[in-house]
Amino acid sequence: MTTITYRDSKSSSGLHFDVGSLLQKVSHSWQQWQAAREIESMPFDIRKDVGYPSAEAADERKVM
């Protein structure tokens, strides 16, 4: 005898969400924020040496 079950990934109530996925997104955002803070805390000369764009170049790319 074979029993087949079906698991629906979406809850019908609309309140179900994936906690693991949410935690991954929060963790990734936090890591990006920390990396940006570390880079922006460096002197301009070091940022230039590692290829981090200047504020003027970043603004020009947004306009285009």
PDB file of N, CA and C in Angstrom:
ATOM      1  N   MET A   1       0.846  -1.166   0.000  1.00  0.00           N
ATOM      2  CA  MET A   1       0.000   0.000   0.000  1.00  0.00           C
ATOM      3  C   MET A   1       0.898   1.239   0.000  1.00  0.00           C
ATOM      4  N   THR A   2       0.546   2.239  -0.769  1.00  0.00           N
ATOM      5  CA  THR A   2       1.316   3.468  -0.867  1.00  0.00           C
ATOM      6  C   THR A   2       0.479   4.634  -0.370  1.00  0.00           C
ATOM      7  N   THR A   3       1.099   5.462   0.439  1.00  0.00           N
ATOM      8  CA  THR A   3       0.430   6.664   0.926  1.00  0.00           C
ATOM      9  C   THR A   3       1.139   7.872   0.339  1.00  0.00           C
ATOM     10  N   ILE A   4       0.410   8.732  -0.293  1.00  0.00           N
ATOM     11  CA  ILE A   4       0.967   9.939  -0.887  1.00  0.00           C
ATOM     12  C   ILE A   4       0.399  11.133  -0.140  1.00  0.00           C
ATOM     13  N   THR A   5       1.297  11.990   0.326  1.00  0.00           N
ATOM     14  CA  THR A   5       0.845  13.201   1.008  1.00  0.00           C
ATOM     15  C   THR A   5       1.342  14.413   0.239  1.00  0.00           C
ATOM     16  N   TYR A   6       0.625  15.488   0.335  1.00  0.00           N
ATOM     17  CA  TYR A   6       0.975  16.727  -0.346  1.00  0.00           C
ATOM     18  C   TYR A   6       1.154  17.813   0.697  1.00  0.00           C
ATOM     19  N   ARG A   7       2.303  18.470   0.664  1.00  0.00           N
ATOM     20  CA  ARG A   7       2.567  19.572   1.585  1.00  0.00           C
ATOM     21  C   ARG A   7       2.570  20.864   0.804  1.00  0.00           C
ATOM     22  N   ASP A   8       1.672  21.711   1.141  1.00  0.00           N
ATOM     23  CA  ASP A   8       1.588  23.008   0.488  1.00  0.00           C
ATOM     24  C   ASP A   8       2.572  23.947   1.161  1.00  0.00           C
ATOM     25  N   SER A   9       3.434  24.606   0.357  1.00  0.00           N
ATOM     26  CA  SER A   9       4.437  25.499   0.934  1.00  0.00           C
ATOM     27  C   SER A   9       3.834  26.835   1.363  1.00  0.00           C
ATOM     28  N   LYS A  10       2.685  27.176   0.871  1.00  0.00           N
ATOM     29  CA  LYS A  10       2.041  28.437   1.238  1.00  0.00           C
ATOM     30  C   LYS A  10       0.829  28.146   2.113  1.00  0.00           C
ATOM     31  N   SER A  11       0.762  28.859   3.192  1.00  0.00           N
ATOM     32  CA  SER A  11      -0.355  28.681   4.101  1.00  0.00           C
ATOM     33  C   SER A  11      -1.587  29.396   3.559  1.00  0.00           C
ATOM     34  N   SER A  12      -2.737  28.833   3.760  1.00  0.00           N
ATOM     35  CA  SER A  12      -3.970  29.455   3.270  1.00  0.00           C
ATOM     36  C   SER A  12      -4.347  30.682   4.101  1.00  0.00           C
ATOM     37  N   SER A  13      -3.828  30.776   5.328  1.00  0.00           N
ATOM     38  CA  SER A  13      -4.181  31.908   6.177  1.00  0.00           C
ATOM     39  C   SER A  13      -3.392  33.158   5.815  1.00  0.00           C
ATOM     40  N   GLY A  14      -2.271  33.015   5.111  1.00  0.00           N
ATOM     41  CA  GLY A  14      -1.477  34.168   4.725  1.00  0.00           C
ATOM     42  C   GLY A  14      -0.524  34.637   5.805  1.00  0.00           C
ATOM     43  N   LEU A  15      -0.508  33.999   6.957  1.00  0.00           N
ATOM     44  CA  LEU A  15       0.357  34.409   8.054  1.00  0.00           C
ATOM     45  C   LEU A  15       1.645  33.605   8.112  1.00  0.00           C
ATOM     46  N   HIS A  16       1.764  32.595   7.294  1.00  0.00           N
ATOM     47  CA  HIS A  16       2.944  31.739   7.297  1.00  0.00           C
ATOM     48  C   HIS A  16       4.075  32.407   6.524  1.00  0.00           C
ATOM     49  N   PHE A  17       5.266  32.422   7.088  1.00  0.00           N
ATOM     50  CA  PHE A  17       6.429  32.924   6.387  1.00  0.00           C
ATOM     51  C   PHE A  17       7.649  32.130   6.824  1.00  0.00           C
ATOM     52  N   ASP A  18       8.656  32.148   5.995  1.00  0.00           N
ATOM     53  CA  ASP A  18       9.864  31.370   6.255  1.00  0.00           C
ATOM     54  C   ASP A  18      10.803  32.189   7.125  1.00  0.00           C
ATOM     55  N   VAL A  19      10.962  31.795   8.372  1.00  0.00           N
ATOM     56  CA  VAL A  19      11.794  32.520   9.331  1.00  0.00           C
ATOM     57  C   VAL A  19      13.260  32.436   8.918  1.00  0.00           C
ATOM     58  N   GLY A  20      13.689  31.288   8.435  1.00  0.00           N
ATOM     59  CA  GLY A  20      15.076  31.116   8.013  1.00  0.00           C
ATOM     60  C   GLY A  20      15.448  32.064   6.892  1.00  0.00           C
ATOM     61  N   SER A  21      14.565  32.198   5.927  1.00  0.00           N
ATOM     62  CA  SER A  21      14.808  33.107   4.807  1.00  0.00           C
ATOM     63  C   SER A  21      14.860  34.554   5.290  1.00  0.00           C
ATOM     64  N   LEU A  22      13.994  34.903   6.185  1.00  0.00           N
ATOM     65  CA  LEU A  22      13.981  36.261   6.733  1.00  0.00           C
ATOM     66  C   LEU A  22      15.275  36.545   7.487  1.00  0.00           C
ATOM     67  N   LEU A  23      15.735  35.578   8.281  1.00  0.00           N
ATOM     68  CA  LEU A  23      16.978  35.752   9.027  1.00  0.00           C
ATOM     69  C   LEU A  23      18.177  35.864   8.092  1.00  0.00           C
ATOM     70  N   GLN A  24      18.171  35.117   6.995  1.00  0.00           N
ATOM     71  CA  GLN A  24      19.254  35.217   6.014  1.00  0.00           C
ATOM     72  C   GLN A  24      19.294  36.608   5.386  1.00  0.00           C
ATOM     73  N   LYS A  25      18.132  37.150   5.050  1.00  0.00           N
ATOM     74  CA  LYS A  25      18.074  38.482   4.449  1.00  0.00           C
ATOM     75  C   LYS A  25      18.560  39.551   5.424  1.00  0.00           C
ATOM     76  N   VAL A  26      18.154  39.429   6.675  1.00  0.00           N
ATOM     77  CA  VAL A  26      18.578  40.394   7.691  1.00  0.00           C
ATOM     78  C   VAL A  26      20.083  40.294   7.915  1.00  0.00           C
ATOM     79  N   SER A  27      20.596  39.080   7.984  1.00  0.00           N
ATOM     80  CA  SER A  27      22.029  38.864   8.182  1.00  0.00           C
ATOM     81  C   SER A  27      22.825  39.422   7.007  1.00  0.00           C
ATOM     82  N   HIS A  28      22.369  39.169   5.793  1.00  0.00           N
ATOM     83  CA  HIS A  28      23.057  39.666   4.604  1.00  0.00           C
ATOM     84  C   HIS A  28      23.058  41.193   4.572  1.00  0.00           C
ATOM     85  N   SER A  29      21.935  41.801   4.886  1.00  0.00           N
ATOM     86  CA  SER A  29      21.850  43.263   4.916  1.00  0.00           C
ATOM     87  C   SER A  29      22.777  43.843   5.976  1.00  0.00           C
ATOM     88  N   TRP A  30      22.829  43.200   7.139  1.00  0.00           N
ATOM     89  CA  TRP A  30      23.693  43.662   8.217  1.00  0.00           C
ATOM     90  C   TRP A  30      25.167  43.588   7.800  1.00  0.00           C
ATOM     91  N   GLN A  31      25.561  42.491   7.151  1.00  0.00           N
ATOM     92  CA  GLN A  31      26.940  42.344   6.697  1.00  0.00           C
ATOM     93  C   GLN A  31      27.301  43.391   5.644  1.00  0.00           C
ATOM     94  N   GLN A  32      26.377  43.677   4.730  1.00  0.00           N
ATOM     95  CA  GLN A  32      26.624  44.708   3.721  1.00  0.00           C
ATOM     96  C   GLN A  32      26.776  46.076   4.379  1.00  0.00           C
ATOM     97  N   TRP A  33      25.950  46.372   5.352  1.00  0.00           N
ATOM     98  CA  TRP A  33      26.006  47.659   6.046  1.00  0.00           C
ATOM     99  C   TRP A  33      27.328  47.812   6.774  1.00  0.00           C
ATOM    100  N   GLN A  34      27.761  46.733   7.448  1.00  0.00           N
ATOM    101  CA  GLN A  34      29.032  46.775   8.163  1.00  0.00           C
ATOM    102  C   GLN A  34      30.207  46.958   7.210  1.00  0.00           C
ATOM    103  N   ALA A  35      30.187  46.265   6.077  1.00  0.00           N
ATOM    104  CA  ALA A  35      31.267  46.392   5.102  1.00  0.00           C
ATOM    105  C   ALA A  35      31.319  47.812   4.551  1.00  0.00           C
ATOM    106  N   ALA A  36      30.162  48.390   4.257  1.00  0.00           N
ATOM    107  CA  ALA A  36      30.126  49.769   3.757  1.00  0.00           C
ATOM    108  C   ALA A  36      30.667  50.743   4.797  1.00  0.00           C
ATOM    109  N   ARG A  37      30.318  50.535   6.068  1.00  0.00           N
ATOM    110  CA  ARG A  37      30.844  51.405   7.132  1.00  0.00           C
ATOM    111  C   ARG A  37      32.353  51.305   7.239  1.00  0.00           C
ATOM    112  N   GLU A  38      32.889  50.088   7.140  1.00  0.00           N
ATOM    113  CA  GLU A  38      34.330  49.905   7.227  1.00  0.00           C
ATOM    114  C   GLU A  38      35.047  50.585   6.063  1.00  0.00           C
ATOM    115  N   ILE A  39      34.509  50.430   4.876  1.00  0.00           N
ATOM    116  CA  ILE A  39      35.134  51.051   3.702  1.00  0.00           C
ATOM    117  C   ILE A  39      35.058  52.568   3.794  1.00  0.00           C
ATOM    118  N   GLU A  40      33.915  53.091   4.198  1.00  0.00           N
ATOM    119  CA  GLU A  40      33.750  54.542   4.270  1.00  0.00           C
ATOM    120  C   GLU A  40      34.563  55.165   5.401  1.00  0.00           C
ATOM    121  N   SER A  41      34.972  54.357   6.375  1.00  0.00           N
ATOM    122  CA  SER A  41      35.783  54.889   7.461  1.00  0.00           C
ATOM    123  C   SER A  41      37.264  54.982   7.068  1.00  0.00           C
ATOM    124  N   MET A  42      37.620  54.360   5.950  1.00  0.00           N
ATOM    125  CA  MET A  42      39.009  54.422   5.480  1.00  0.00           C
ATOM    126  C   MET A  42      39.305  55.799   4.888  1.00  0.00           C
ATOM    127  N   PRO A  43      40.554  56.210   4.926  1.00  0.00           N
ATOM    128  CA  PRO A  43      40.931  57.468   4.282  1.00  0.00           C
ATOM    129  C   PRO A  43      40.684  57.394   2.767  1.00  0.00           C
ATOM    130  N   PHE A  44      40.490  58.554   2.148  1.00  0.00           N
ATOM    131  CA  PHE A  44      40.169  58.613   0.720  1.00  0.00           C
ATOM    132  C   PHE A  44      41.240  57.944  -0.132  1.00  0.00           C
ATOM    133  N   ASP A  45      42.512  58.144   0.212  1.00  0.00           N
ATOM    134  CA  ASP A  45      43.603  57.576  -0.586  1.00  0.00           C
ATOM    135  C   ASP A  45      43.554  56.052  -0.623  1.00  0.00           C
ATOM    136  N   ILE A  46      43.242  55.430   0.496  1.00  0.00           N
ATOM    137  CA  ILE A  46      43.165  53.966   0.539  1.00  0.00           C
ATOM    138  C   ILE A  46      41.955  53.488  -0.254  1.00  0.00           C
ATOM    139  N   ARG A  47      40.823  54.173  -0.104  1.00  0.00           N
ATOM    140  CA  ARG A  47      39.637  53.791  -0.879  1.00  0.00           C
ATOM    141  C   ARG A  47      39.913  53.895  -2.364  1.00  0.00           C
ATOM    142  N   LYS A  48      40.624  54.932  -2.772  1.00  0.00           N
ATOM    143  CA  LYS A  48      40.968  55.119  -4.177  1.00  0.00           C
ATOM    144  C   LYS A  48      41.866  53.982  -4.653  1.00  0.00           C
ATOM    145  N   ASP A  49      42.820  53.572  -3.816  1.00  0.00           N
ATOM    146  CA  ASP A  49      43.754  52.508  -4.181  1.00  0.00           C
ATOM    147  C   ASP A  49      43.057  51.167  -4.376  1.00  0.00           C
ATOM    148  N   VAL A  50      42.029  50.888  -3.599  1.00  0.00           N
ATOM    149  CA  VAL A  50      41.326  49.602  -3.730  1.00  0.00           C
ATOM    150  C   VAL A  50      40.221  49.652  -4.775  1.00  0.00           C
ATOM    151  N   GLY A  51      40.002  50.818  -5.376  1.00  0.00           N
ATOM    152  CA  GLY A  51      39.034  50.919  -6.461  1.00  0.00           C
ATOM    153  C   GLY A  51      37.629  51.278  -6.035  1.00  0.00           C
ATOM    154  N   TYR A  52      37.448  51.744  -4.820  1.00  0.00           N
ATOM    155  CA  TYR A  52      36.130  52.167  -4.358  1.00  0.00           C
ATOM    156  C   TYR A  52      35.773  53.477  -5.052  1.00  0.00           C
ATOM    157  N   PRO A  53      34.608  53.583  -5.684  1.00  0.00           N
ATOM    158  CA  PRO A  53      34.279  54.793  -6.440  1.00  0.00           C
ATOM    159  C   PRO A  53      34.132  56.020  -5.551  1.00  0.00           C
ATOM    160  N   SER A  54      34.514  57.143  -6.094  1.00  0.00           N
ATOM    161  CA  SER A  54      34.345  58.395  -5.354  1.00  0.00           C
ATOM    162  C   SER A  54      32.881  58.803  -5.389  1.00  0.00           C
ATOM    163  N   ALA A  55      32.500  59.738  -4.551  1.00  0.00           N
ATOM    164  CA  ALA A  55      31.105  60.189  -4.489  1.00  0.00           C
ATOM    165  C   ALA A  55      30.697  60.841  -5.806  1.00  0.00           C
ATOM    166  N   GLU A  56      31.606  61.585  -6.437  1.00  0.00           N
ATOM    167  CA  GLU A  56      31.275  62.246  -7.693  1.00  0.00           C
ATOM    168  C   GLU A  56      30.980  61.220  -8.785  1.00  0.00           C
ATOM    169  N   ALA A  57      31.789  60.157  -8.871  1.00  0.00           N
ATOM    170  CA  ALA A  57      31.586  59.133  -9.886  1.00  0.00           C
ATOM    171  C   ALA A  57      30.283  58.376  -9.643  1.00  0.00           C
ATOM    172  N   ALA A  58      29.951  58.123  -8.403  1.00  0.00           N
ATOM    173  CA  ALA A  58      28.708  57.413  -8.086  1.00  0.00           C
ATOM    174  C   ALA A  58      27.501  58.270  -8.461  1.00  0.00           C
ATOM    175  N   ASP A  59      27.561  59.567  -8.223  1.00  0.00           N
ATOM    176  CA  ASP A  59      26.461  60.448  -8.571  1.00  0.00           C
ATOM    177  C   ASP A  59      26.287  60.539 -10.081  1.00  0.00           C
ATOM    178  N   GLU A  60      27.388  60.567 -10.828  1.00  0.00           N
ATOM    179  CA  GLU A  60      27.305  60.657 -12.291  1.00  0.00           C
ATOM    180  C   GLU A  60      26.660  59.399 -12.873  1.00  0.00           C
ATOM    181  N   ARG A  61      26.958  58.231 -12.309  1.00  0.00           N
ATOM    182  CA  ARG A  61      26.373  56.999 -12.822  1.00  0.00           C
ATOM    183  C   ARG A  61      24.871  56.953 -12.574  1.00  0.00           C
ATOM    184  N   LYS A  62      24.406  57.527 -11.498  1.00  0.00           N
ATOM    185  CA  LYS A  62      22.963  57.535 -11.218  1.00  0.00           C
ATOM    186  C   LYS A  62      22.234  58.420 -12.209  1.00  0.00           C
ATOM    187  N   VAL A  63      22.856  59.509 -12.637  1.00  0.00           N
ATOM    188  CA  VAL A  63      22.213  60.455 -13.552  1.00  0.00           C
ATOM    189  C   VAL A  63      22.063  59.840 -14.935  1.00  0.00           C
ATOM    190  N   MET A  64      23.071  59.101 -15.366  1.00  0.00           N
ATOM    191  CA  MET A  64      23.041  58.500 -16.697  1.00  0.00           C
ATOM    192  C   MET A  64      21.993  57.490 -16.749  1.00  0.00           C
TER     193      MET A  64
END
